[in-house]
Structures are given as C-alpha cells and as structure tokens.
N, C-alpha and C. Protein backbone atom coordinates (compact mmCIF):
# COMPACT_ATOMS: atom_id res chain seq x y z
N MET A 1 127.29 -13.75 -84.34
CA MET A 1 126.44 -12.73 -83.76
C MET A 1 124.99 -13.17 -83.91
N HIS A 2 124.23 -12.99 -82.84
CA HIS A 2 122.82 -13.40 -82.88
C HIS A 2 121.88 -12.22 -83.07
N ALA A 3 120.73 -12.52 -83.68
CA ALA A 3 119.67 -11.53 -83.81
C ALA A 3 119.20 -11.14 -82.41
N ILE A 4 118.63 -9.95 -82.31
CA ILE A 4 118.21 -9.41 -81.01
C ILE A 4 116.69 -9.44 -80.91
N PRO A 5 116.15 -10.27 -79.99
CA PRO A 5 114.70 -10.30 -79.80
C PRO A 5 114.28 -9.26 -78.76
N THR A 6 113.20 -8.54 -79.06
CA THR A 6 112.63 -7.58 -78.11
C THR A 6 111.16 -7.96 -77.91
N LEU A 7 110.85 -8.49 -76.74
CA LEU A 7 109.47 -8.89 -76.44
C LEU A 7 108.60 -7.65 -76.35
N GLN A 8 107.52 -7.61 -77.12
CA GLN A 8 106.62 -6.46 -77.11
C GLN A 8 105.32 -6.74 -76.36
N VAL A 9 104.79 -7.96 -76.52
CA VAL A 9 103.53 -8.33 -75.87
C VAL A 9 103.59 -9.82 -75.56
N GLU A 10 103.16 -10.20 -74.38
CA GLU A 10 102.92 -11.61 -74.09
C GLU A 10 101.73 -11.69 -73.15
N ASN A 11 100.74 -12.49 -73.58
CA ASN A 11 99.58 -12.72 -72.74
C ASN A 11 99.11 -14.16 -72.96
N GLU A 12 97.91 -14.49 -72.56
CA GLU A 12 97.43 -15.86 -72.65
C GLU A 12 97.18 -16.31 -74.09
N ARG A 13 97.16 -15.37 -75.06
CA ARG A 13 96.83 -15.73 -76.44
C ARG A 13 97.97 -15.56 -77.44
N VAL A 14 98.86 -14.58 -77.20
CA VAL A 14 99.91 -14.29 -78.19
C VAL A 14 101.24 -13.94 -77.52
N ILE A 15 102.30 -14.10 -78.32
CA ILE A 15 103.62 -13.57 -77.99
C ILE A 15 104.06 -12.75 -79.20
N VAL A 16 104.34 -11.47 -79.00
CA VAL A 16 104.77 -10.59 -80.09
C VAL A 16 106.21 -10.17 -79.81
N THR A 17 107.10 -10.49 -80.75
CA THR A 17 108.52 -10.20 -80.59
C THR A 17 109.02 -9.47 -81.83
N LYS A 18 109.74 -8.37 -81.62
CA LYS A 18 110.45 -7.71 -82.72
C LYS A 18 111.85 -8.30 -82.77
N TRP A 19 112.24 -8.78 -83.95
CA TRP A 19 113.57 -9.34 -84.16
C TRP A 19 114.39 -8.36 -84.99
N THR A 20 115.58 -8.02 -84.49
CA THR A 20 116.50 -7.12 -85.19
C THR A 20 117.77 -7.89 -85.51
N PHE A 21 118.15 -7.90 -86.78
CA PHE A 21 119.30 -8.64 -87.27
C PHE A 21 120.36 -7.68 -87.81
N PRO A 22 121.44 -7.44 -87.09
CA PRO A 22 122.56 -6.74 -87.72
C PRO A 22 123.05 -7.58 -88.91
N PRO A 23 123.81 -6.99 -89.84
CA PRO A 23 124.32 -7.78 -90.96
C PRO A 23 125.06 -9.04 -90.47
N GLY A 24 124.71 -10.19 -91.04
CA GLY A 24 125.34 -11.45 -90.68
C GLY A 24 124.78 -12.14 -89.46
N ALA A 25 123.89 -11.49 -88.73
CA ALA A 25 123.32 -12.07 -87.50
C ALA A 25 122.35 -13.19 -87.83
N ASP A 26 122.20 -14.13 -86.89
CA ASP A 26 121.28 -15.24 -87.06
C ASP A 26 120.49 -15.50 -85.79
N THR A 27 119.45 -16.33 -85.93
CA THR A 27 118.63 -16.69 -84.77
C THR A 27 119.20 -17.87 -84.01
N GLY A 28 120.07 -18.65 -84.67
CA GLY A 28 120.47 -19.93 -84.13
C GLY A 28 119.42 -20.96 -84.52
N ASP A 29 119.81 -22.23 -84.52
CA ASP A 29 118.86 -23.30 -84.86
C ASP A 29 117.74 -23.33 -83.83
N HIS A 30 116.50 -23.44 -84.31
CA HIS A 30 115.36 -23.51 -83.40
C HIS A 30 114.17 -24.15 -84.10
N VAL A 31 113.22 -24.61 -83.29
CA VAL A 31 111.97 -25.20 -83.77
C VAL A 31 110.83 -24.38 -83.18
N HIS A 32 109.92 -23.94 -84.02
CA HIS A 32 108.79 -23.12 -83.56
C HIS A 32 107.78 -23.97 -82.80
N GLY A 33 107.47 -23.54 -81.59
CA GLY A 33 106.53 -24.24 -80.73
C GLY A 33 105.10 -23.76 -80.85
N HIS A 34 104.86 -22.77 -81.70
CA HIS A 34 103.53 -22.20 -81.91
C HIS A 34 103.35 -21.88 -83.40
N ASP A 35 102.10 -21.84 -83.85
CA ASP A 35 101.80 -21.24 -85.15
C ASP A 35 102.24 -19.78 -85.04
N TYR A 36 102.67 -19.18 -86.18
CA TYR A 36 103.14 -17.81 -86.10
C TYR A 36 102.94 -17.05 -87.40
N VAL A 37 102.95 -15.72 -87.27
CA VAL A 37 102.87 -14.79 -88.39
C VAL A 37 104.09 -13.89 -88.31
N VAL A 38 104.73 -13.65 -89.45
CA VAL A 38 105.88 -12.74 -89.53
C VAL A 38 105.47 -11.53 -90.35
N VAL A 39 105.77 -10.33 -89.83
CA VAL A 39 105.52 -9.07 -90.52
C VAL A 39 106.87 -8.39 -90.74
N PRO A 40 107.43 -8.48 -91.95
CA PRO A 40 108.71 -7.82 -92.21
C PRO A 40 108.60 -6.30 -92.08
N LEU A 41 109.58 -5.70 -91.45
CA LEU A 41 109.66 -4.24 -91.33
C LEU A 41 110.66 -3.68 -92.33
N THR A 42 111.42 -4.58 -92.95
CA THR A 42 112.48 -4.23 -93.89
C THR A 42 112.30 -5.08 -95.14
N THR A 43 112.74 -4.57 -96.27
CA THR A 43 112.78 -5.36 -97.50
C THR A 43 114.21 -5.86 -97.69
N GLY A 44 114.34 -7.15 -98.01
CA GLY A 44 115.67 -7.72 -98.23
C GLY A 44 115.62 -9.23 -98.24
N LYS A 45 116.81 -9.85 -98.18
CA LYS A 45 116.92 -11.31 -98.24
C LYS A 45 117.37 -11.88 -96.91
N LEU A 46 116.76 -13.00 -96.56
CA LEU A 46 117.19 -13.80 -95.41
C LEU A 46 117.54 -15.19 -95.91
N ARG A 47 118.53 -15.79 -95.29
CA ARG A 47 118.91 -17.17 -95.61
C ARG A 47 118.29 -18.09 -94.57
N LEU A 48 117.62 -19.14 -95.02
CA LEU A 48 117.02 -20.13 -94.14
C LEU A 48 117.82 -21.42 -94.25
N VAL A 49 118.38 -21.86 -93.14
CA VAL A 49 119.09 -23.13 -93.08
C VAL A 49 118.11 -24.11 -92.44
N GLU A 50 117.60 -25.03 -93.27
CA GLU A 50 116.54 -25.94 -92.86
C GLU A 50 117.06 -27.38 -92.89
N PRO A 51 116.33 -28.31 -92.26
CA PRO A 51 116.79 -29.71 -92.28
C PRO A 51 117.01 -30.26 -93.69
N ASP A 52 116.25 -29.76 -94.67
CA ASP A 52 116.35 -30.25 -96.05
C ASP A 52 117.30 -29.45 -96.93
N GLY A 53 117.94 -28.42 -96.37
CA GLY A 53 118.86 -27.62 -97.18
C GLY A 53 118.83 -26.15 -96.84
N VAL A 54 119.40 -25.37 -97.73
CA VAL A 54 119.54 -23.92 -97.53
C VAL A 54 118.83 -23.21 -98.67
N ARG A 55 118.10 -22.15 -98.32
CA ARG A 55 117.46 -21.34 -99.37
C ARG A 55 117.43 -19.88 -98.93
N ASP A 56 117.48 -18.99 -99.91
CA ASP A 56 117.38 -17.56 -99.66
C ASP A 56 115.98 -17.11 -100.03
N VAL A 57 115.39 -16.28 -99.18
CA VAL A 57 114.04 -15.78 -99.43
C VAL A 57 114.06 -14.26 -99.45
N GLU A 58 113.27 -13.70 -100.34
CA GLU A 58 113.13 -12.24 -100.47
C GLU A 58 111.88 -11.84 -99.70
N LEU A 59 112.04 -10.95 -98.73
CA LEU A 59 110.91 -10.44 -97.96
C LEU A 59 110.71 -8.97 -98.28
N VAL A 60 109.45 -8.54 -98.27
CA VAL A 60 109.11 -7.16 -98.57
C VAL A 60 108.45 -6.55 -97.34
N ALA A 61 108.87 -5.36 -96.97
CA ALA A 61 108.29 -4.68 -95.81
C ALA A 61 106.77 -4.67 -95.92
N GLY A 62 106.11 -5.14 -94.86
CA GLY A 62 104.66 -5.20 -94.83
C GLY A 62 104.05 -6.43 -95.46
N GLY A 63 104.86 -7.27 -96.09
CA GLY A 63 104.35 -8.48 -96.76
C GLY A 63 104.37 -9.67 -95.80
N SER A 64 103.33 -9.81 -95.03
CA SER A 64 103.25 -10.83 -93.97
C SER A 64 103.10 -12.23 -94.53
N TYR A 65 103.52 -13.21 -93.72
CA TYR A 65 103.28 -14.63 -94.05
C TYR A 65 103.07 -15.40 -92.75
N ALA A 66 102.46 -16.57 -92.85
CA ALA A 66 102.15 -17.39 -91.68
C ALA A 66 102.71 -18.80 -91.86
N LYS A 67 103.11 -19.41 -90.74
CA LYS A 67 103.61 -20.79 -90.74
C LYS A 67 103.02 -21.53 -89.55
N LEU A 68 103.04 -22.86 -89.63
CA LEU A 68 102.50 -23.70 -88.57
C LEU A 68 103.58 -24.13 -87.58
N THR A 69 103.14 -24.56 -86.42
CA THR A 69 104.03 -25.11 -85.40
C THR A 69 104.94 -26.18 -86.01
N GLY A 70 106.19 -26.23 -85.54
CA GLY A 70 107.10 -27.28 -85.95
C GLY A 70 108.14 -26.88 -86.97
N VAL A 71 108.06 -25.67 -87.51
CA VAL A 71 109.08 -25.22 -88.47
C VAL A 71 110.44 -25.22 -87.77
N ALA A 72 111.44 -25.83 -88.41
CA ALA A 72 112.79 -25.90 -87.86
C ALA A 72 113.74 -25.20 -88.81
N HIS A 73 114.52 -24.24 -88.29
CA HIS A 73 115.46 -23.53 -89.15
C HIS A 73 116.39 -22.63 -88.34
N ASN A 74 117.37 -22.08 -89.03
CA ASN A 74 118.18 -20.96 -88.56
C ASN A 74 117.97 -19.87 -89.59
N VAL A 75 117.71 -18.65 -89.14
CA VAL A 75 117.46 -17.52 -90.03
C VAL A 75 118.67 -16.59 -89.96
N ILE A 76 119.23 -16.23 -91.13
CA ILE A 76 120.44 -15.43 -91.21
C ILE A 76 120.21 -14.20 -92.08
N ASN A 77 120.61 -13.04 -91.60
CA ASN A 77 120.55 -11.82 -92.40
C ASN A 77 121.74 -11.78 -93.35
N ILE A 78 121.49 -11.91 -94.66
CA ILE A 78 122.57 -11.89 -95.64
C ILE A 78 122.69 -10.53 -96.32
N ASN A 79 121.95 -9.55 -95.84
CA ASN A 79 122.05 -8.18 -96.36
C ASN A 79 123.24 -7.48 -95.72
N ASP A 80 123.67 -6.39 -96.33
CA ASP A 80 124.74 -5.60 -95.73
C ASP A 80 124.17 -4.45 -94.90
N TYR A 81 122.92 -4.61 -94.47
CA TYR A 81 122.24 -3.64 -93.62
C TYR A 81 121.37 -4.38 -92.61
N GLU A 82 120.95 -3.67 -91.57
CA GLU A 82 120.10 -4.24 -90.53
C GLU A 82 118.75 -4.65 -91.12
N PHE A 83 118.25 -5.79 -90.68
CA PHE A 83 116.95 -6.30 -91.12
C PHE A 83 116.11 -6.55 -89.88
N SER A 84 114.80 -6.28 -89.96
CA SER A 84 113.94 -6.55 -88.81
C SER A 84 112.56 -7.03 -89.23
N PHE A 85 111.94 -7.78 -88.34
CA PHE A 85 110.55 -8.19 -88.53
C PHE A 85 109.90 -8.37 -87.17
N VAL A 86 108.57 -8.38 -87.19
CA VAL A 86 107.78 -8.67 -86.00
C VAL A 86 107.22 -10.08 -86.17
N GLU A 87 107.40 -10.90 -85.13
CA GLU A 87 106.88 -12.26 -85.11
C GLU A 87 105.74 -12.32 -84.11
N ILE A 88 104.59 -12.83 -84.54
CA ILE A 88 103.41 -12.96 -83.69
C ILE A 88 103.13 -14.45 -83.55
N GLU A 89 103.36 -14.99 -82.35
CA GLU A 89 103.11 -16.40 -82.09
C GLU A 89 101.72 -16.55 -81.47
N LEU A 90 100.98 -17.54 -81.94
CA LEU A 90 99.62 -17.79 -81.46
C LEU A 90 99.63 -18.96 -80.50
N LYS A 91 99.24 -18.70 -79.27
CA LYS A 91 99.24 -19.76 -78.24
C LYS A 91 98.00 -20.61 -78.36
C-alpha cells in the first residue's frame, strides 16, 4: 500500500504536498529532485530505507526539518495508526 499524496500548492517557487500514510504504507523508492522541508502533522515513527541501510526516526508534530536535493529513500509508516506530514519542495 502506498502513501497518499495530496497536492496543495504548486507555483513557480514551491510545491506543497500533504502526505497521508495508512499503517504500513510507503512512498516507494524515490530521489528528491528539490531541496525540501517536512512539517510533521503527527507524532510517531517512520522507517527510512536508504542506500546505506535502514533506520527508524521519531518525528514530533510541528517539529520541522529540511533536507537538500538528492536524498534517496523509501519512507514507511511503522505505526499502527495513520501518519501525515506536509512536504514543501523549493524550486
């Protein structure tokens, strides 16, 4: 099962997408083509499957973080509840 992307804004400067992950859902393997900011809407754990291995990260609602272009991973909801965040990509 895949996470559900909902496009909220796209213009010449940004792409804003809300991602909703039912339990066990994932994004699929992907590489980020833009610098981006993630704003968690839920507190919980996500599993990151990266080229160098697998790690679980704890995210807190409202605790934003930023990453640069080129991040490669699959993101998996390992909680037994729905998890969501807003992703803001900078063009």
